[in-house]
Amino acid sequence: SIARKLMALRPTPLIVFVTAYSEHAVAAFELYAVDYLLKPFDDDRLAQCLARLEFALENQAAMSQAHEAQSNWAGDASLHRLVIKSSAAIRIIEIDQIRWIAANGNYVDIHHQDGKHLLRASMKHVLSKLPPGAFIQVHRGYAVRFDLIRELKNQDNDRAVITLATDETLPVGKSFRQPLLDRLCQEV
């Protein structure tokens, strides 16, 4: 589509969809459209759209970063940042700020230096997009940034925990313990 071709331009242009067909709204959202005007619309709705455009122009650098990160997310490249969208904001989290990731149903919780954010993706997909070797899965539900691991401690034959440089502790799954131990010993 024309909108997809426009999104490849740098700097990324601001796009407003104006159409009589509501079925294009999902495509507009995926392309980070600033707004979606459904015909017929009134002057108040047009004014609201113009206000969104003004806000987007003031914050275009952040929007450009968000688009770049979203494009990387969809492609094969390793990410340098994650983009987490909510109804109120777009949050950009640098990969080196992430401490650990926890599976949460159809989502993952991204624990980073400024808190925690929910991302709609599977653990497997997130790990496939992160720089190779930067993170290691230590449990079915947890992956950690490898360089933050400070200690692996066996609690008994079936249980172990890791301690991160942030003093957080996470469980290590039985089937993940040996690969973790092997990698830790390689790094010495």
C-alpha atoms as a PDB file:
ATOM      1  CA  SER A   1       0.000   0.000   0.000  1.00  0.00           C
ATOM      2  CA  ILE A   2       1.027   3.623  -0.331  1.00  0.00           C
ATOM      3  CA  ALA A   3       1.114   4.059   3.458  1.00  0.00           C
ATOM      4  CA  ARG A   4       3.637   1.202   3.844  1.00  0.00           C
ATOM      5  CA  LYS A   5       5.881   2.786   1.199  1.00  0.00           C
ATOM      6  CA  LEU A   6       5.652   6.149   2.947  1.00  0.00           C
ATOM      7  CA  MET A   7       6.669   4.561   6.265  1.00  0.00           C
ATOM      8  CA  ALA A   8       9.964   3.470   4.677  1.00  0.00           C
ATOM      9  CA  LEU A   9      10.948   7.111   4.143  1.00  0.00           C
ATOM     10  CA  ARG A  10      13.294   8.871   6.566  1.00  0.00           C
ATOM     11  CA  PRO A  11      12.287  10.862   8.414  1.00  0.00           C
ATOM     12  CA  THR A  12       9.066   8.913   8.762  1.00  0.00           C
ATOM     13  CA  PRO A  13       6.113  11.043   7.599  1.00  0.00           C
ATOM     14  CA  LEU A  14       3.068  11.548   9.767  1.00  0.00           C
ATOM     15  CA  ILE A  15       0.043   9.786   8.294  1.00  0.00           C
ATOM     16  CA  VAL A  16      -3.675  10.324   8.837  1.00  0.00           C
ATOM     17  CA  PHE A  17      -6.082   7.876   7.214  1.00  0.00           C
ATOM     18  CA  VAL A  18      -9.256   9.494   5.888  1.00  0.00           C
ATOM     19  CA  THR A  19     -11.713   6.916   4.612  1.00  0.00           C
ATOM     20  CA  ALA A  20     -15.308   5.796   4.623  1.00  0.00           C
ATOM     21  CA  TYR A  21     -14.270   2.200   5.408  1.00  0.00           C
ATOM     22  CA  SER A  22     -13.673   1.161   9.003  1.00  0.00           C
ATOM     23  CA  GLU A  23     -11.935  -2.110   8.048  1.00  0.00           C
ATOM     24  CA  HIS A  24      -8.660  -0.229   7.387  1.00  0.00           C
ATOM     25  CA  ALA A  25      -8.302   0.823  11.033  1.00  0.00           C
ATOM     26  CA  VAL A  26      -6.121  -2.165  11.975  1.00  0.00           C
ATOM     27  CA  ALA A  27      -3.702  -1.431   9.123  1.00  0.00           C
ATOM     28  CA  ALA A  28      -3.559   2.211  10.220  1.00  0.00           C
ATOM     29  CA  PHE A  29      -2.721   1.162  13.775  1.00  0.00           C
ATOM     30  CA  GLU A  30       0.048  -1.182  12.549  1.00  0.00           C
ATOM     31  CA  LEU A  31       1.564   1.677  10.558  1.00  0.00           C
ATOM     32  CA  TYR A  32       1.536   4.084  13.502  1.00  0.00           C
ATOM     33  CA  ALA A  33      -0.932   6.393  11.818  1.00  0.00           C
ATOM     34  CA  VAL A  34      -1.412   9.556  13.824  1.00  0.00           C
ATOM     35  CA  ASP A  35      -5.167   9.349  13.390  1.00  0.00           C
ATOM     36  CA  TYR A  36      -7.976   7.630  11.517  1.00  0.00           C
ATOM     37  CA  LEU A  37     -10.821   9.810  10.307  1.00  0.00           C
ATOM     38  CA  LEU A  38     -13.932   7.909   9.348  1.00  0.00           C
ATOM     39  CA  LYS A  39     -16.179   9.748   6.897  1.00  0.00           C
ATOM     40  CA  PRO A  40     -18.367  11.589   7.497  1.00  0.00           C
ATOM     41  CA  PHE A  41     -16.659  13.525  10.303  1.00  0.00           C
ATOM     42  CA  ASP A  42     -17.478  16.892  11.867  1.00  0.00           C
ATOM     43  CA  ASP A  43     -15.384  19.970  12.663  1.00  0.00           C
ATOM     44  CA  ASP A  44     -14.759  18.829  16.250  1.00  0.00           C
ATOM     45  CA  ARG A  45     -13.328  15.529  15.053  1.00  0.00           C
ATOM     46  CA  LEU A  46     -11.135  17.351  12.519  1.00  0.00           C
ATOM     47  CA  ALA A  47      -9.876  19.684  15.270  1.00  0.00           C
ATOM     48  CA  GLN A  48      -9.050  16.644  17.409  1.00  0.00           C
ATOM     49  CA  CYS A  49      -7.069  15.176  14.500  1.00  0.00           C
ATOM     50  CA  LEU A  50      -5.150  18.435  14.018  1.00  0.00           C
ATOM     51  CA  ALA A  51      -4.299  18.494  17.740  1.00  0.00           C
ATOM     52  CA  ARG A  52      -2.929  14.947  17.451  1.00  0.00           C
ATOM     53  CA  LEU A  53      -0.850  16.007  14.456  1.00  0.00           C
ATOM     54  CA  GLU A  54       0.564  18.969  16.390  1.00  0.00           C
ATOM     55  CA  PHE A  55       1.450  16.685  19.295  1.00  0.00           C
ATOM     56  CA  ALA A  56       3.056  14.163  16.940  1.00  0.00           C
ATOM     57  CA  LEU A  57       5.109  16.887  15.254  1.00  0.00           C
ATOM     58  CA  GLU A  58       6.393  18.005  18.661  1.00  0.00           C
ATOM     59  CA  ASN A  59       7.355  14.407  19.460  1.00  0.00           C
ATOM     60  CA  GLN A  60       8.426  13.242  15.996  1.00  0.00           C
ATOM     61  CA  ALA A  61      11.869  12.012  17.118  1.00  0.00           C
ATOM     62  CA  ALA A  62      10.308   9.590  19.598  1.00  0.00           C
ATOM     63  CA  MET A  63       7.746   8.483  17.020  1.00  0.00           C
ATOM     64  CA  SER A  64      10.523   7.823  14.501  1.00  0.00           C
ATOM     65  CA  GLN A  65      12.381   5.689  17.050  1.00  0.00           C
ATOM     66  CA  ALA A  66       9.165   3.799  17.800  1.00  0.00           C
ATOM     67  CA  HIS A  67       8.597   3.085  14.101  1.00  0.00           C
ATOM     68  CA  GLU A  68      12.186   1.887  13.617  1.00  0.00           C
ATOM     69  CA  ALA A  69      11.925  -0.434  16.596  1.00  0.00           C
ATOM     70  CA  GLN A  70       8.537  -1.742  15.415  1.00  0.00           C
ATOM     71  CA  SER A  71       9.970  -2.441  11.958  1.00  0.00           C
ATOM     72  CA  ASN A  72      12.850  -4.390  13.512  1.00  0.00           C
ATOM     73  CA  TRP A  73      10.376  -6.327  15.660  1.00  0.00           C
ATOM     74  CA  ALA A  74       8.562  -7.513  12.556  1.00  0.00           C
ATOM     75  CA  GLY A  75      11.742  -8.350  10.628  1.00  0.00           C
ATOM     76  CA  ASP A  76      14.705 -10.634  11.201  1.00  0.00           C
ATOM     77  CA  ALA A  77      17.090  -8.097  12.727  1.00  0.00           C
ATOM     78  CA  SER A  78      18.062  -8.185  16.400  1.00  0.00           C
ATOM     79  CA  LEU A  79      16.455  -5.418  18.367  1.00  0.00           C
ATOM     80  CA  HIS A  80      18.262  -2.629  20.160  1.00  0.00           C
ATOM     81  CA  ARG A  81      15.061  -1.474  21.828  1.00  0.00           C
ATOM     82  CA  LEU A  82      11.572  -2.734  22.506  1.00  0.00           C
ATOM     83  CA  VAL A  83       8.467  -0.710  21.753  1.00  0.00           C
ATOM     84  CA  ILE A  84       5.594  -1.270  24.127  1.00  0.00           C
ATOM     85  CA  LYS A  85       2.312   0.288  23.036  1.00  0.00           C
ATOM     86  CA  SER A  86      -0.609   1.016  25.302  1.00  0.00           C
ATOM     87  CA  SER A  87      -3.725   3.057  24.733  1.00  0.00           C
ATOM     88  CA  ALA A  88      -2.088   6.034  26.443  1.00  0.00           C
ATOM     89  CA  ALA A  89       1.542   5.925  25.301  1.00  0.00           C
ATOM     90  CA  ILE A  90       4.356   4.311  23.414  1.00  0.00           C
ATOM     91  CA  ARG A  91       7.195   3.245  25.714  1.00  0.00           C
ATOM     92  CA  ILE A  92      10.658   2.637  24.238  1.00  0.00           C
ATOM     93  CA  ILE A  93      12.929   0.437  26.342  1.00  0.00           C
ATOM     94  CA  GLU A  94      16.580   0.003  25.415  1.00  0.00           C
ATOM     95  CA  ILE A  95      17.627  -3.658  25.469  1.00  0.00           C
ATOM     96  CA  ASP A  96      20.515  -2.956  27.836  1.00  0.00           C
ATOM     97  CA  GLN A  97      17.990  -1.627  30.391  1.00  0.00           C
ATOM     98  CA  ILE A  98      16.122  -4.963  30.544  1.00  0.00           C
ATOM     99  CA  ARG A  99      16.979  -7.107  33.553  1.00  0.00           C
ATOM    100  CA  TRP A 100      14.675 -10.071  33.041  1.00  0.00           C
ATOM    101  CA  ILE A 101      11.578 -11.240  31.221  1.00  0.00           C
ATOM    102  CA  ALA A 102       8.700 -13.253  32.671  1.00  0.00           C
ATOM    103  CA  ALA A 103       6.057 -15.173  30.733  1.00  0.00           C
ATOM    104  CA  ASN A 104       2.537 -13.987  31.536  1.00  0.00           C
ATOM    105  CA  GLY A 105      -0.034 -15.886  29.464  1.00  0.00           C
ATOM    106  CA  ASN A 106      -0.049 -14.452  25.920  1.00  0.00           C
ATOM    107  CA  TYR A 107       2.214 -11.650  27.147  1.00  0.00           C
ATOM    108  CA  VAL A 108       5.589 -11.155  28.751  1.00  0.00           C
ATOM    109  CA  ASP A 109       6.467  -8.817  31.583  1.00  0.00           C
ATOM    110  CA  ILE A 110       9.572  -6.834  30.692  1.00  0.00           C
ATOM    111  CA  HIS A 111      11.401  -5.973  33.936  1.00  0.00           C
ATOM    112  CA  HIS A 112      13.777  -3.076  33.343  1.00  0.00           C
ATOM    113  CA  GLN A 113      15.630  -0.450  35.316  1.00  0.00           C
ATOM    114  CA  ASP A 114      12.615   1.869  35.430  1.00  0.00           C
ATOM    115  CA  GLY A 115       9.990  -0.726  36.342  1.00  0.00           C
ATOM    116  CA  LYS A 116       7.922  -3.317  34.501  1.00  0.00           C
ATOM    117  CA  HIS A 117       5.871  -3.217  31.317  1.00  0.00           C
ATOM    118  CA  LEU A 118       3.603  -5.744  29.624  1.00  0.00           C
ATOM    119  CA  LEU A 119       4.287  -6.707  26.002  1.00  0.00           C
ATOM    120  CA  ARG A 120       1.956  -8.836  23.877  1.00  0.00           C
ATOM    121  CA  ALA A 121       4.353 -11.507  22.602  1.00  0.00           C
ATOM    122  CA  SER A 122       5.522 -14.977  23.523  1.00  0.00           C
ATOM    123  CA  MET A 123       8.737 -15.601  25.432  1.00  0.00           C
ATOM    124  CA  LYS A 124      10.081 -17.525  22.442  1.00  0.00           C
ATOM    125  CA  HIS A 125       9.410 -14.632  20.046  1.00  0.00           C
ATOM    126  CA  VAL A 126      10.950 -12.021  22.339  1.00  0.00           C
ATOM    127  CA  LEU A 127      14.083 -14.128  22.858  1.00  0.00           C
ATOM    128  CA  SER A 128      14.410 -14.668  19.101  1.00  0.00           C
ATOM    129  CA  LYS A 129      14.474 -10.882  18.565  1.00  0.00           C
ATOM    130  CA  LEU A 130      17.036 -10.034  21.261  1.00  0.00           C
ATOM    131  CA  PRO A 131      20.771  -9.886  20.498  1.00  0.00           C
ATOM    132  CA  PRO A 132      22.238 -13.426  20.432  1.00  0.00           C
ATOM    133  CA  GLY A 133      23.797 -14.401  23.745  1.00  0.00           C
ATOM    134  CA  ALA A 134      22.549 -11.333  25.623  1.00  0.00           C
ATOM    135  CA  PHE A 135      19.771 -13.243  27.410  1.00  0.00           C
ATOM    136  CA  ILE A 136      19.415 -16.806  28.614  1.00  0.00           C
ATOM    137  CA  GLN A 137      16.267 -18.678  29.496  1.00  0.00           C
ATOM    138  CA  VAL A 138      16.603 -20.074  33.026  1.00  0.00           C
ATOM    139  CA  HIS A 139      13.098 -21.381  33.506  1.00  0.00           C
ATOM    140  CA  ARG A 140      10.062 -22.045  31.360  1.00  0.00           C
ATOM    141  CA  GLY A 141       8.707 -18.708  32.525  1.00  0.00           C
ATOM    142  CA  TYR A 142      11.905 -16.622  32.922  1.00  0.00           C
ATOM    143  CA  ALA A 143      14.791 -15.324  30.862  1.00  0.00           C
ATOM    144  CA  VAL A 144      17.503 -13.033  32.226  1.00  0.00           C
ATOM    145  CA  ARG A 145      20.164 -10.761  30.868  1.00  0.00           C
ATOM    146  CA  PHE A 146      23.196 -13.015  31.099  1.00  0.00           C
ATOM    147  CA  ASP A 147      25.683 -10.375  32.246  1.00  0.00           C
ATOM    148  CA  LEU A 148      23.519  -9.620  35.311  1.00  0.00           C
ATOM    149  CA  ILE A 149      23.783 -13.144  36.763  1.00  0.00           C
ATOM    150  CA  ARG A 150      25.898 -13.043  39.925  1.00  0.00           C
ATOM    151  CA  GLU A 151      25.173 -16.417  41.526  1.00  0.00           C
ATOM    152  CA  LEU A 152      23.660 -19.817  40.812  1.00  0.00           C
ATOM    153  CA  LYS A 153      22.722 -21.568  44.012  1.00  0.00           C
ATOM    154  CA  ASN A 154      21.365 -25.108  44.357  1.00  0.00           C
ATOM    155  CA  GLN A 155      18.620 -25.352  46.951  1.00  0.00           C
ATOM    156  CA  ASP A 156      18.261 -29.132  46.672  1.00  0.00           C
ATOM    157  CA  ASN A 157      18.466 -31.772  43.927  1.00  0.00           C
ATOM    158  CA  ASP A 158      15.459 -30.369  42.075  1.00  0.00           C
ATOM    159  CA  ARG A 159      15.614 -26.645  42.779  1.00  0.00           C
ATOM    160  CA  ALA A 160      18.067 -23.853  42.120  1.00  0.00           C
ATOM    161  CA  VAL A 161      17.920 -20.070  42.036  1.00  0.00           C
ATOM    162  CA  ILE A 162      19.955 -17.346  40.434  1.00  0.00           C
ATOM    163  CA  THR A 163      20.734 -13.992  41.964  1.00  0.00           C
ATOM    164  CA  LEU A 164      21.122 -10.987  39.708  1.00  0.00           C
ATOM    165  CA  ALA A 165      23.390  -7.987  40.235  1.00  0.00           C
ATOM    166  CA  THR A 166      20.193  -6.161  41.283  1.00  0.00           C
ATOM    167  CA  ASP A 167      19.769  -8.663  44.190  1.00  0.00           C
ATOM    168  CA  GLU A 168      16.653 -10.121  42.580  1.00  0.00           C
ATOM    169  CA  THR A 169      16.358 -13.908  42.731  1.00  0.00           C
ATOM    170  CA  LEU A 170      14.635 -16.080  40.165  1.00  0.00           C
ATOM    171  CA  PRO A 171      14.035 -19.831  40.029  1.00  0.00           C
ATOM    172  CA  VAL A 172      16.020 -22.026  37.647  1.00  0.00           C
ATOM    173  CA  GLY A 173      14.059 -24.818  35.994  1.00  0.00           C
ATOM    174  CA  LYS A 174      15.504 -28.301  36.266  1.00  0.00           C
ATOM    175  CA  SER A 175      15.941 -28.694  32.496  1.00  0.00           C
ATOM    176  CA  PHE A 176      17.561 -25.229  32.237  1.00  0.00           C
ATOM    177  CA  ARG A 177      20.107 -25.724  35.040  1.00  0.00           C
ATOM    178  CA  GLN A 178      22.765 -27.645  33.091  1.00  0.00           C
ATOM    179  CA  PRO A 179      22.764 -25.355  30.018  1.00  0.00           C
ATOM    180  CA  LEU A 180      23.033 -22.375  32.381  1.00  0.00           C
ATOM    181  CA  LEU A 181      25.881 -23.984  34.301  1.00  0.00           C
ATOM    182  CA  ASP A 182      27.684 -24.842  31.045  1.00  0.00           C
ATOM    183  CA  ARG A 183      27.413 -21.273  29.808  1.00  0.00           C
ATOM    184  CA  LEU A 184      28.516 -19.812  33.122  1.00  0.00           C
ATOM    185  CA  CYS A 185      31.578 -22.058  33.117  1.00  0.00           C
ATOM    186  CA  GLN A 186      32.414 -21.045  29.508  1.00  0.00           C
ATOM    187  CA  GLU A 187      32.467 -17.401  30.508  1.00  0.00           C
ATOM    188  CA  VAL A 188      35.052 -17.917  33.265  1.00  0.00           C
END
